[in-house]
Amino acid sequence: MNTAMLQRVTKGCAALALGLASMSASADVFTYTATLSGAIEEPPNASPGTGTVRVDFDTDNHLLTINTTFSGLLGPTTAAHIHCCTAVPETGTAGVATELPTFTGFPIGVTSGTYSHTFDTTLAATWNPSFVTSFGGGTIAGAEAAFLAGLDAGTAYLNLHTEFAPGGEIRGFLQPVPEPATFALLALGAPVVLLAARRRRGKQ
């Protein structure tokens, strides 16, 4: 492939990637996932319990959707929250950021189950008042911004509290899921890199 053709391919890939990035950015729905276990608790425990969680934060429409499943707990559930924000990503503890005493409709008194709920993040009831004061500067908008920053930084975690472990039997730090445009950039960039490498080898 000659230089002119390589440049055209590169420009075409870049234009397509920018278009995908613009489409993704306009949605403003951020996704985070985590695997829950006792080994991640502070301090760690030997619970055989496991779980997964997905959090979708639609910042345009101020909607927070939580989907989680869990099983194998040693004690019946007493509460579930998202805590934020720890001083160091993926370690330590933090206060509860979401509503108290537990998520609306979360299954209590069970050792396995599923949960799905969408919260309106403009409502004060969605948040722990202490989080709004400490991290949000006393405003709901500030709490939303601080919570999003904590999710992005890996300093927020979902914690399932049980009678076996009142402080938390299993938890997991939420991690950002790359947006589709990010995957597109990687996929589109690979052919360009390969073409450039072949071109270099041809000159040797």
Protein backbone atom coordinates (compact mmCIF):
# COMPACT_ATOMS: atom_id res chain seq x y z
CA MET A 1 0.00 0.00 0.00
CA ASN A 2 1.43 3.40 -0.98
CA THR A 3 1.66 6.44 1.28
CA ALA A 4 -1.33 8.23 -0.23
CA MET A 5 -3.61 5.23 0.23
CA LEU A 6 -2.40 4.71 3.79
CA GLN A 7 -3.19 8.34 4.58
CA ARG A 8 -6.70 7.98 3.11
CA VAL A 9 -7.36 4.87 5.20
CA THR A 10 -6.08 6.62 8.31
CA LYS A 11 -8.26 9.69 7.74
CA GLY A 12 -11.30 7.55 7.03
CA CYS A 13 -10.82 5.54 10.21
CA ALA A 14 -10.33 8.69 12.25
CA ALA A 15 -13.49 10.29 10.86
CA LEU A 16 -15.57 7.19 11.59
CA ALA A 17 -14.16 6.90 15.10
CA LEU A 18 -14.91 10.55 15.82
CA GLY A 19 -18.46 10.05 14.65
CA LEU A 20 -18.90 7.05 16.93
CA ALA A 21 -17.38 8.96 19.82
CA SER A 22 -19.79 11.86 19.27
CA MET A 23 -22.76 9.51 19.24
CA SER A 24 -21.59 7.83 22.44
CA ALA A 25 -20.82 11.09 24.21
CA SER A 26 -24.25 12.51 23.41
CA ALA A 27 -25.93 9.68 25.32
CA ASP A 28 -24.11 10.39 28.59
CA VAL A 29 -24.95 6.97 30.06
CA PHE A 30 -22.01 5.63 32.01
CA THR A 31 -21.77 1.94 32.90
CA TYR A 32 -19.87 0.34 35.77
CA THR A 33 -19.58 -3.29 36.87
CA ALA A 34 -18.13 -5.27 39.76
CA THR A 35 -17.78 -8.80 41.07
CA LEU A 36 -18.74 -9.18 44.73
CA SER A 37 -16.88 -11.34 47.24
CA GLY A 38 -15.93 -11.57 50.90
CA ALA A 39 -12.24 -11.40 50.01
CA ILE A 40 -12.72 -7.79 48.93
CA GLU A 41 -14.33 -6.76 52.22
CA GLU A 42 -12.41 -4.71 54.77
CA PRO A 43 -11.40 -6.76 56.67
CA PRO A 44 -11.69 -9.75 54.32
CA ASN A 45 -13.89 -12.67 55.35
CA ALA A 46 -14.23 -16.29 54.25
CA SER A 47 -17.78 -16.05 52.92
CA PRO A 48 -18.45 -18.32 49.94
CA GLY A 49 -20.96 -15.74 48.75
CA THR A 50 -20.60 -14.30 45.28
CA GLY A 51 -22.36 -11.70 43.21
CA THR A 52 -22.23 -9.30 40.32
CA VAL A 53 -23.51 -5.79 39.84
CA ARG A 54 -24.02 -3.42 36.95
CA VAL A 55 -24.67 0.27 37.48
CA ASP A 56 -25.85 2.57 34.69
CA PHE A 57 -25.74 6.30 35.41
CA ASP A 58 -27.69 8.39 32.90
CA THR A 59 -26.45 11.87 33.73
CA ASP A 60 -28.68 13.56 31.13
CA ASN A 61 -31.89 12.23 32.63
CA HIS A 62 -30.55 11.87 36.19
CA LEU A 63 -31.28 8.15 36.42
CA LEU A 64 -29.22 5.59 38.32
CA THR A 65 -30.03 1.94 37.49
CA ILE A 66 -28.69 -0.83 39.69
CA ASN A 67 -28.83 -4.49 38.65
CA THR A 68 -27.31 -7.10 40.94
CA THR A 69 -27.47 -10.80 41.60
CA PHE A 70 -25.98 -12.69 44.56
CA SER A 71 -25.92 -16.15 46.11
CA GLY A 72 -24.23 -18.34 48.71
CA LEU A 73 -24.28 -15.83 51.58
CA LEU A 74 -23.63 -17.19 55.07
CA GLY A 75 -26.21 -14.90 56.61
CA PRO A 76 -29.51 -13.37 55.51
CA THR A 77 -29.28 -9.91 53.99
CA THR A 78 -29.94 -6.86 56.15
CA ALA A 79 -29.07 -3.99 53.78
CA ALA A 80 -27.39 -3.03 50.52
CA HIS A 81 -25.79 0.26 49.57
CA ILE A 82 -23.20 1.90 47.38
CA HIS A 83 -20.45 3.43 49.48
CA CYS A 84 -18.30 6.32 48.27
CA CYS A 85 -15.63 7.57 48.18
CA THR A 86 -12.53 5.79 49.51
CA ALA A 87 -9.21 7.60 49.78
CA VAL A 88 -7.46 5.05 47.56
CA PRO A 89 -9.08 3.32 44.55
CA GLU A 90 -10.20 -0.28 45.11
CA THR A 91 -9.29 -0.34 48.80
CA GLY A 92 -10.39 1.00 52.17
CA THR A 93 -13.86 1.93 53.36
CA ALA A 94 -16.19 4.86 52.92
CA GLY A 95 -19.57 5.98 54.18
CA VAL A 96 -22.83 5.13 52.47
CA ALA A 97 -23.59 7.37 49.48
CA THR A 98 -27.02 6.03 48.51
CA GLU A 99 -30.32 5.97 50.37
CA LEU A 100 -30.77 4.64 53.88
CA PRO A 101 -31.45 2.24 55.48
CA THR A 102 -31.13 0.20 52.25
CA PHE A 103 -32.02 0.28 48.55
CA THR A 104 -35.75 0.56 47.91
CA GLY A 105 -37.19 -2.92 47.38
CA PHE A 106 -33.94 -4.77 48.02
CA PRO A 107 -34.60 -8.37 49.16
CA ILE A 108 -33.98 -8.59 52.91
CA GLY A 109 -33.65 -11.79 54.93
CA VAL A 110 -32.34 -13.94 52.07
CA THR A 111 -29.02 -15.55 51.17
CA SER A 112 -29.48 -15.29 47.40
CA GLY A 113 -31.47 -13.16 45.05
CA THR A 114 -31.60 -10.53 42.34
CA TYR A 115 -32.36 -6.85 42.38
CA SER A 116 -33.11 -4.21 39.76
CA HIS A 117 -34.18 -0.64 40.38
CA THR A 118 -33.85 2.79 38.80
CA PHE A 119 -33.38 5.81 41.06
CA ASP A 120 -34.05 9.47 40.31
CA THR A 121 -30.80 11.14 41.33
CA THR A 122 -32.43 14.57 41.60
CA LEU A 123 -34.37 13.37 44.64
CA ALA A 124 -32.89 13.86 48.09
CA ALA A 125 -34.28 10.45 49.11
CA THR A 126 -31.84 8.75 46.70
CA TRP A 127 -28.87 9.93 48.76
CA ASN A 128 -27.52 9.58 52.26
CA PRO A 129 -27.77 13.11 53.68
CA SER A 130 -24.26 12.78 55.08
CA PHE A 131 -22.90 12.12 51.59
CA VAL A 132 -24.67 15.19 50.23
CA THR A 133 -23.11 17.29 52.98
CA SER A 134 -19.62 15.80 52.98
CA PHE A 135 -19.05 15.23 49.27
CA GLY A 136 -21.76 17.22 47.51
CA GLY A 137 -21.22 20.55 49.22
CA GLY A 138 -24.76 20.39 50.54
CA THR A 139 -26.45 20.15 47.12
CA ILE A 140 -27.96 17.25 45.20
CA ALA A 141 -26.16 18.35 42.03
CA GLY A 142 -22.90 18.27 43.95
CA ALA A 143 -23.70 14.78 45.24
CA GLU A 144 -24.36 13.56 41.68
CA ALA A 145 -21.04 14.99 40.48
CA ALA A 146 -19.08 13.57 43.42
CA PHE A 147 -20.70 10.16 42.99
CA LEU A 148 -19.88 10.07 39.27
CA ALA A 149 -16.29 11.06 40.03
CA GLY A 150 -16.06 8.27 42.61
CA LEU A 151 -17.39 5.71 40.14
CA ASP A 152 -14.91 6.83 37.51
CA ALA A 153 -12.04 6.70 39.98
CA GLY A 154 -12.82 3.22 41.31
CA THR A 155 -13.49 4.54 44.82
CA ALA A 156 -17.16 3.47 45.05
CA TYR A 157 -18.31 -0.01 45.97
CA LEU A 158 -21.51 -1.99 46.34
CA ASN A 159 -21.75 -3.62 49.76
CA LEU A 160 -24.16 -6.35 50.84
CA HIS A 161 -24.67 -6.42 54.62
CA THR A 162 -25.88 -9.57 56.36
CA GLU A 163 -26.46 -10.95 59.84
CA PHE A 164 -23.23 -12.95 59.42
CA ALA A 165 -21.26 -9.78 58.62
CA PRO A 166 -23.12 -6.61 59.65
CA GLY A 167 -20.34 -4.47 58.19
CA GLY A 168 -20.60 -6.24 54.85
CA GLU A 169 -20.38 -9.88 53.75
CA ILE A 170 -19.55 -9.33 50.09
CA ARG A 171 -18.65 -6.23 48.14
CA GLY A 172 -17.08 -5.10 44.88
CA PHE A 173 -15.49 -1.88 43.65
CA LEU A 174 -17.29 -0.56 40.60
CA GLN A 175 -15.17 -0.11 37.49
CA PRO A 176 -16.01 1.83 34.32
CA VAL A 177 -16.97 -0.18 31.26
CA PRO A 178 -15.35 1.32 28.13
CA GLU A 179 -17.82 3.07 25.85
CA PRO A 180 -18.50 1.53 22.41
CA ALA A 181 -16.54 4.35 20.79
CA THR A 182 -13.46 3.29 22.72
CA PHE A 183 -13.68 -0.22 21.30
CA ALA A 184 -14.24 1.28 17.87
CA LEU A 185 -11.11 3.36 18.15
CA LEU A 186 -9.09 0.30 19.08
CA ALA A 187 -10.59 -1.79 16.31
CA LEU A 188 -10.11 0.89 13.69
CA GLY A 189 -6.59 1.67 14.78
CA ALA A 190 -5.36 -1.91 14.46
CA PRO A 191 -5.50 -2.10 10.64
CA VAL A 192 -3.64 1.19 10.34
CA VAL A 193 -0.89 -0.06 12.63
CA LEU A 194 -0.60 -3.29 10.65
CA LEU A 195 -0.45 -1.44 7.36
CA ALA A 196 2.24 0.87 8.65
CA ALA A 197 4.25 -2.09 9.92
CA ARG A 198 4.02 -3.85 6.56
CA ARG A 199 5.09 -0.67 4.81
CA ARG A 200 8.13 -0.36 7.05
CA ARG A 201 9.09 -4.00 6.44
CA GLY A 202 8.77 -3.45 2.71
CA LYS A 203 11.36 -0.67 2.87
CA GLN A 204 13.89 -2.80 4.74
